[in-house]
Each structure stands twice: as structure tokens, then as C-alpha cells.
């Protein structure tokens, strides 16, 4: 992907780097973010650094993690997971909670759809979120994802919640 592409709101998808670690460390101190995204609360600096380094150095053929930057600062990340043929699962996290509810997740999701299509020849994305995660559900539904099933449950923000699976073909 041309890393110079920045949309009108200043959002850019770009490769993640080890230099992004201070942002990741900041997110790890936000209990609400950690709880919403399945991160361990109070991870040690070393554990977190090693975890991030594994993603930076990732060479997997079926996984891609891109950074979501706003005006040059990393504010989150987006993943393509389990890429097979023309399908992948989308994951997205806005790490800096001061950007929650302001449209950055929607823009980043649209950018990731374009990235998946242009760079990985993906034409179907799957996504899964918690029934109580109304922000994620609103993003997916606004962009055109369709609910395809409700299977399983998992903890979200300290409560067990139904999981909803989505799909979009583009």
C-alpha cells in the first residue's frame, strides 16, 4: 500500500514499527481499552514489548497487522487474520480511547477494506464482535457488513456477551 495515502480526516494505514511501542505502552495502561480488547491488565513492560515485537516482525502469510495513524501518530491497529483464498477476518482496535466515538474506526475500517482488496486480493471480509459492543456493530453495519450468525459468547468490558458474526463481499 502506498503509505503516503492519507484520507481527508488525516487517517493513514501504515506498517507498524517498534518505534510505535510508546503508544502501545500507553494503551496498556487504559483498563477500559484492555478490557474491551482482551488485553491483560497490568502487563509488564517486557511482556508487552515482546508481544509487540512479534507483530512487528511477523512474516505469516495469513496474518497482516497495519497501524492506524492520525496525523502521523499511531492511534490503533487493524488486522487481516486467517487469510485464505479471497477471504479474511477483520480485526480493529482504536487504542487511544480519546478517539473513540469520533468516526476514526469507521474510516479505518473503510481503509482496511481497500487495503485488503488492493494488496491481498481479498473480496470477502468476516468480522465478529460482542452484542454489547454497539460502536463496533454500528461501524460494521454502516459500512455494509451483514449479520450472518450469532454463535458463542465471550467477556466484553467485564460481562459475558453474545458474539455476532458479520460478512461483507466487495
C-alpha atoms as a PDB file:
ATOM      1  CA  UNK A   1       0.000   0.000   0.000  1.00  0.00           C
ATOM      2  CA  UNK A   2       1.210   3.474  -0.769  1.00  0.00           C
ATOM      3  CA  UNK A   3       1.927   4.681   2.737  1.00  0.00           C
ATOM      4  CA  UNK A   4       1.581   8.306   1.654  1.00  0.00           C
ATOM      5  CA  UNK A   5      -2.170   7.868   1.135  1.00  0.00           C
ATOM      6  CA  UNK A   6      -3.932   9.851   3.805  1.00  0.00           C
ATOM      7  CA  UNK A   7      -7.663  10.413   3.641  1.00  0.00           C
ATOM      8  CA  UNK A   8      -9.437  13.690   4.276  1.00  0.00           C
ATOM      9  CA  UNK A   9      -9.582  13.142   8.040  1.00  0.00           C
ATOM     10  CA  UNK A  10      -5.846  12.510   8.347  1.00  0.00           C
ATOM     11  CA  UNK A  11      -6.174   8.737   8.866  1.00  0.00           C
ATOM     12  CA  UNK A  12      -3.458   6.578   7.350  1.00  0.00           C
ATOM     13  CA  UNK A  13      -2.866   2.831   7.329  1.00  0.00           C
ATOM     14  CA  UNK A  14       0.821   2.072   7.583  1.00  0.00           C
ATOM     15  CA  UNK A  15       3.238  -0.633   8.608  1.00  0.00           C
ATOM     16  CA  UNK A  16       3.697  -0.946  12.361  1.00  0.00           C
ATOM     17  CA  UNK A  17       7.178  -0.435  13.785  1.00  0.00           C
ATOM     18  CA  UNK A  18       8.972  -0.939  17.067  1.00  0.00           C
ATOM     19  CA  UNK A  19       9.032   2.869  17.318  1.00  0.00           C
ATOM     20  CA  UNK A  20       5.247   2.641  17.863  1.00  0.00           C
ATOM     21  CA  UNK A  21       5.810   0.894  21.177  1.00  0.00           C
ATOM     22  CA  UNK A  22       5.326   4.012  23.373  1.00  0.00           C
ATOM     23  CA  UNK A  23       1.768   4.308  22.018  1.00  0.00           C
ATOM     24  CA  UNK A  24       1.121   0.621  22.692  1.00  0.00           C
ATOM     25  CA  UNK A  25       2.515   1.023  26.206  1.00  0.00           C
ATOM     26  CA  UNK A  26       0.153   3.967  26.800  1.00  0.00           C
ATOM     27  CA  UNK A  27      -2.858   1.904  25.632  1.00  0.00           C
ATOM     28  CA  UNK A  28      -1.873  -0.894  28.016  1.00  0.00           C
ATOM     29  CA  UNK A  29      -2.402   1.479  30.946  1.00  0.00           C
ATOM     30  CA  UNK A  30      -6.038   2.124  29.945  1.00  0.00           C
ATOM     31  CA  UNK A  31      -8.065  -0.538  31.784  1.00  0.00           C
ATOM     32  CA  UNK A  32     -11.158   0.126  29.660  1.00  0.00           C
ATOM     33  CA  UNK A  33      -9.232  -0.392  26.413  1.00  0.00           C
ATOM     34  CA  UNK A  34      -7.605  -3.546  27.784  1.00  0.00           C
ATOM     35  CA  UNK A  35     -10.921  -4.965  28.927  1.00  0.00           C
ATOM     36  CA  UNK A  36     -12.607  -4.167  25.599  1.00  0.00           C
ATOM     37  CA  UNK A  37      -9.827  -5.756  23.543  1.00  0.00           C
ATOM     38  CA  UNK A  38      -8.855  -8.787  25.596  1.00  0.00           C
ATOM     39  CA  UNK A  39      -5.501  -7.363  26.677  1.00  0.00           C
ATOM     40  CA  UNK A  40      -4.065  -8.365  30.028  1.00  0.00           C
ATOM     41  CA  UNK A  41      -4.347  -5.552  32.536  1.00  0.00           C
ATOM     42  CA  UNK A  42      -1.024  -4.606  34.142  1.00  0.00           C
ATOM     43  CA  UNK A  43       1.198  -6.474  31.662  1.00  0.00           C
ATOM     44  CA  UNK A  44       4.860  -5.888  32.367  1.00  0.00           C
ATOM     45  CA  UNK A  45       6.875  -3.661  30.068  1.00  0.00           C
ATOM     46  CA  UNK A  46       8.923  -6.667  28.932  1.00  0.00           C
ATOM     47  CA  UNK A  47       5.873  -8.854  28.173  1.00  0.00           C
ATOM     48  CA  UNK A  48       4.239  -6.086  26.197  1.00  0.00           C
ATOM     49  CA  UNK A  49       7.432  -5.238  24.298  1.00  0.00           C
ATOM     50  CA  UNK A  50       7.972  -8.872  23.282  1.00  0.00           C
ATOM     51  CA  UNK A  51       4.325  -9.159  22.241  1.00  0.00           C
ATOM     52  CA  UNK A  52       4.513  -6.038  20.033  1.00  0.00           C
ATOM     53  CA  UNK A  53       7.890  -7.078  18.580  1.00  0.00           C
ATOM     54  CA  UNK A  54       6.353 -10.401  17.433  1.00  0.00           C
ATOM     55  CA  UNK A  55       3.754  -8.446  15.421  1.00  0.00           C
ATOM     56  CA  UNK A  56       6.335  -6.027  14.011  1.00  0.00           C
ATOM     57  CA  UNK A  57       8.497  -8.933  12.841  1.00  0.00           C
ATOM     58  CA  UNK A  58       5.536 -11.051  11.665  1.00  0.00           C
ATOM     59  CA  UNK A  59       6.194 -12.992   8.462  1.00  0.00           C
ATOM     60  CA  UNK A  60       2.985 -15.013   8.427  1.00  0.00           C
ATOM     61  CA  UNK A  61       1.287 -15.478   5.064  1.00  0.00           C
ATOM     62  CA  UNK A  62      -2.193 -15.472   6.624  1.00  0.00           C
ATOM     63  CA  UNK A  63      -1.914 -12.501   9.004  1.00  0.00           C
ATOM     64  CA  UNK A  64      -1.299  -8.776   8.481  1.00  0.00           C
ATOM     65  CA  UNK A  65      -1.339  -6.041  11.122  1.00  0.00           C
ATOM     66  CA  UNK A  66      -1.393  -2.432   9.958  1.00  0.00           C
ATOM     67  CA  UNK A  67      -1.061   0.654  12.115  1.00  0.00           C
ATOM     68  CA  UNK A  68      -3.813   3.257  12.137  1.00  0.00           C
ATOM     69  CA  UNK A  69      -2.196   6.678  12.301  1.00  0.00           C
ATOM     70  CA  UNK A  70      -3.859  10.035  12.721  1.00  0.00           C
ATOM     71  CA  UNK A  71      -1.753  12.996  11.641  1.00  0.00           C
ATOM     72  CA  UNK A  72       1.311  10.753  11.968  1.00  0.00           C
ATOM     73  CA  UNK A  73       0.585   9.365  15.461  1.00  0.00           C
ATOM     74  CA  UNK A  74      -0.372   5.722  15.966  1.00  0.00           C
ATOM     75  CA  UNK A  75      -3.878   5.570  17.438  1.00  0.00           C
ATOM     76  CA  UNK A  76      -4.739   1.926  16.763  1.00  0.00           C
ATOM     77  CA  UNK A  77      -4.251  -1.100  14.561  1.00  0.00           C
ATOM     78  CA  UNK A  78      -6.183  -3.216  12.087  1.00  0.00           C
ATOM     79  CA  UNK A  79      -5.670  -6.894  11.298  1.00  0.00           C
ATOM     80  CA  UNK A  80      -6.415  -9.280   8.482  1.00  0.00           C
ATOM     81  CA  UNK A  81      -6.444 -12.737  10.040  1.00  0.00           C
ATOM     82  CA  UNK A  82      -6.838 -16.238   8.666  1.00  0.00           C
ATOM     83  CA  UNK A  83      -6.426 -15.108   5.059  1.00  0.00           C
ATOM     84  CA  UNK A  84      -7.452 -17.944   2.737  1.00  0.00           C
ATOM     85  CA  UNK A  85      -8.154 -17.598  -0.960  1.00  0.00           C
ATOM     86  CA  UNK A  86     -10.130 -14.338  -1.191  1.00  0.00           C
ATOM     87  CA  UNK A  87     -11.403 -14.257   2.423  1.00  0.00           C
ATOM     88  CA  UNK A  88     -10.031 -12.897   5.694  1.00  0.00           C
ATOM     89  CA  UNK A  89     -11.271 -11.913   9.122  1.00  0.00           C
ATOM     90  CA  UNK A  90     -11.036  -8.242  10.037  1.00  0.00           C
ATOM     91  CA  UNK A  91      -9.974  -7.027  13.448  1.00  0.00           C
ATOM     92  CA  UNK A  92      -9.632  -3.418  14.533  1.00  0.00           C
ATOM     93  CA  UNK A  93      -8.739  -1.580  17.725  1.00  0.00           C
ATOM     94  CA  UNK A  94      -8.531   2.128  18.361  1.00  0.00           C
ATOM     95  CA  UNK A  95      -6.009   2.104  21.186  1.00  0.00           C
ATOM     96  CA  UNK A  96      -6.250   5.710  22.218  1.00  0.00           C
ATOM     97  CA  UNK A  97      -9.696   5.900  23.794  1.00  0.00           C
ATOM     98  CA  UNK A  98      -9.802   9.684  23.351  1.00  0.00           C
ATOM     99  CA  UNK A  99     -10.566   8.877  19.687  1.00  0.00           C
ATOM    100  CA  UNK A 100     -13.487   6.530  20.455  1.00  0.00           C
ATOM    101  CA  UNK A 101     -16.868   7.571  19.116  1.00  0.00           C
ATOM    102  CA  UNK A 102     -15.470  10.154  16.681  1.00  0.00           C
ATOM    103  CA  UNK A 103     -15.612   8.225  13.395  1.00  0.00           C
ATOM    104  CA  UNK A 104     -11.993   7.060  13.301  1.00  0.00           C
ATOM    105  CA  UNK A 105     -12.987   3.377  13.497  1.00  0.00           C
ATOM    106  CA  UNK A 106     -15.332   3.760  10.527  1.00  0.00           C
ATOM    107  CA  UNK A 107     -12.672   5.474   8.417  1.00  0.00           C
ATOM    108  CA  UNK A 108     -10.015   2.941   9.413  1.00  0.00           C
ATOM    109  CA  UNK A 109     -12.362   0.056   8.571  1.00  0.00           C
ATOM    110  CA  UNK A 110     -13.026   1.514   5.116  1.00  0.00           C
ATOM    111  CA  UNK A 111      -9.281   1.949   4.600  1.00  0.00           C
ATOM    112  CA  UNK A 112      -8.717  -1.674   5.621  1.00  0.00           C
ATOM    113  CA  UNK A 113     -11.343  -2.876   3.104  1.00  0.00           C
ATOM    114  CA  UNK A 114      -9.461  -1.031   0.360  1.00  0.00           C
ATOM    115  CA  UNK A 115      -6.129  -2.391   1.618  1.00  0.00           C
ATOM    116  CA  UNK A 116      -7.454  -5.962   1.711  1.00  0.00           C
ATOM    117  CA  UNK A 117      -8.748  -5.692  -1.844  1.00  0.00           C
ATOM    118  CA  UNK A 118      -5.800  -3.847  -3.390  1.00  0.00           C
ATOM    119  CA  UNK A 119      -2.940  -5.639  -1.660  1.00  0.00           C
ATOM    120  CA  UNK A 120      -4.233  -9.087  -0.773  1.00  0.00           C
ATOM    121  CA  UNK A 121      -6.911  -9.739  -3.398  1.00  0.00           C
ATOM    122  CA  UNK A 122      -9.483 -10.243  -0.675  1.00  0.00           C
ATOM    123  CA  UNK A 123     -13.117  -9.842  -1.748  1.00  0.00           C
ATOM    124  CA  UNK A 124     -14.882 -11.032   1.425  1.00  0.00           C
ATOM    125  CA  UNK A 125     -14.222  -9.955   4.980  1.00  0.00           C
ATOM    126  CA  UNK A 126     -15.613 -11.588   8.076  1.00  0.00           C
ATOM    127  CA  UNK A 127     -15.838  -9.875  11.447  1.00  0.00           C
ATOM    128  CA  UNK A 128     -17.011 -10.788  14.913  1.00  0.00           C
ATOM    129  CA  UNK A 129     -17.997  -8.580  17.809  1.00  0.00           C
ATOM    130  CA  UNK A 130     -19.904  -8.673  21.059  1.00  0.00           C
ATOM    131  CA  UNK A 131     -23.610  -7.926  21.083  1.00  0.00           C
ATOM    132  CA  UNK A 132     -22.967  -5.214  23.671  1.00  0.00           C
ATOM    133  CA  UNK A 133     -20.202  -3.554  21.622  1.00  0.00           C
ATOM    134  CA  UNK A 134     -22.589  -1.134  19.944  1.00  0.00           C
ATOM    135  CA  UNK A 135     -19.780   1.018  18.479  1.00  0.00           C
ATOM    136  CA  UNK A 136     -18.256  -1.902  16.573  1.00  0.00           C
ATOM    137  CA  UNK A 137     -21.678  -3.094  15.458  1.00  0.00           C
ATOM    138  CA  UNK A 138     -22.572   0.388  14.194  1.00  0.00           C
ATOM    139  CA  UNK A 139     -19.318   0.627  12.215  1.00  0.00           C
ATOM    140  CA  UNK A 140     -19.781  -2.758  10.586  1.00  0.00           C
ATOM    141  CA  UNK A 141     -23.435  -2.207   9.738  1.00  0.00           C
ATOM    142  CA  UNK A 142     -22.842   1.346   8.435  1.00  0.00           C
ATOM    143  CA  UNK A 143     -20.188   0.067   6.021  1.00  0.00           C
ATOM    144  CA  UNK A 144     -22.403  -2.740   4.754  1.00  0.00           C
ATOM    145  CA  UNK A 145     -21.433  -5.810   6.756  1.00  0.00           C
ATOM    146  CA  UNK A 146     -24.374  -8.169   7.213  1.00  0.00           C
ATOM    147  CA  UNK A 147     -25.007 -10.258  10.298  1.00  0.00           C
ATOM    148  CA  UNK A 148     -24.603 -13.924   9.365  1.00  0.00           C
ATOM    149  CA  UNK A 149     -24.854 -15.691  12.728  1.00  0.00           C
ATOM    150  CA  UNK A 150     -24.842 -15.457  16.495  1.00  0.00           C
ATOM    151  CA  UNK A 151     -22.621 -18.151  17.908  1.00  0.00           C
ATOM    152  CA  UNK A 152     -20.714 -18.229  21.125  1.00  0.00           C
ATOM    153  CA  UNK A 153     -20.165 -15.759  23.892  1.00  0.00           C
ATOM    154  CA  UNK A 154     -17.176 -14.046  25.440  1.00  0.00           C
ATOM    155  CA  UNK A 155     -16.374 -11.445  28.042  1.00  0.00           C
ATOM    156  CA  UNK A 156     -16.577  -7.815  26.996  1.00  0.00           C
ATOM    157  CA  UNK A 157     -15.994  -4.996  29.480  1.00  0.00           C
ATOM    158  CA  UNK A 158     -16.360  -7.399  32.378  1.00  0.00           C
ATOM    159  CA  UNK A 159     -19.623  -9.032  31.274  1.00  0.00           C
ATOM    160  CA  UNK A 160     -20.395 -12.132  29.231  1.00  0.00           C
ATOM    161  CA  UNK A 161     -21.892 -11.117  25.902  1.00  0.00           C
ATOM    162  CA  UNK A 162     -23.271 -12.931  22.839  1.00  0.00           C
ATOM    163  CA  UNK A 163     -20.894 -12.934  19.845  1.00  0.00           C
ATOM    164  CA  UNK A 164     -22.229 -11.775  16.476  1.00  0.00           C
ATOM    165  CA  UNK A 165     -20.566 -12.787  13.206  1.00  0.00           C
ATOM    166  CA  UNK A 166     -20.651 -10.486  10.152  1.00  0.00           C
ATOM    167  CA  UNK A 167     -19.650 -10.684   6.498  1.00  0.00           C
ATOM    168  CA  UNK A 168     -19.198  -8.283   3.605  1.00  0.00           C
ATOM    169  CA  UNK A 169     -18.463  -9.106  -0.021  1.00  0.00           C
ATOM    170  CA  UNK A 170     -16.998  -6.307  -2.110  1.00  0.00           C
END
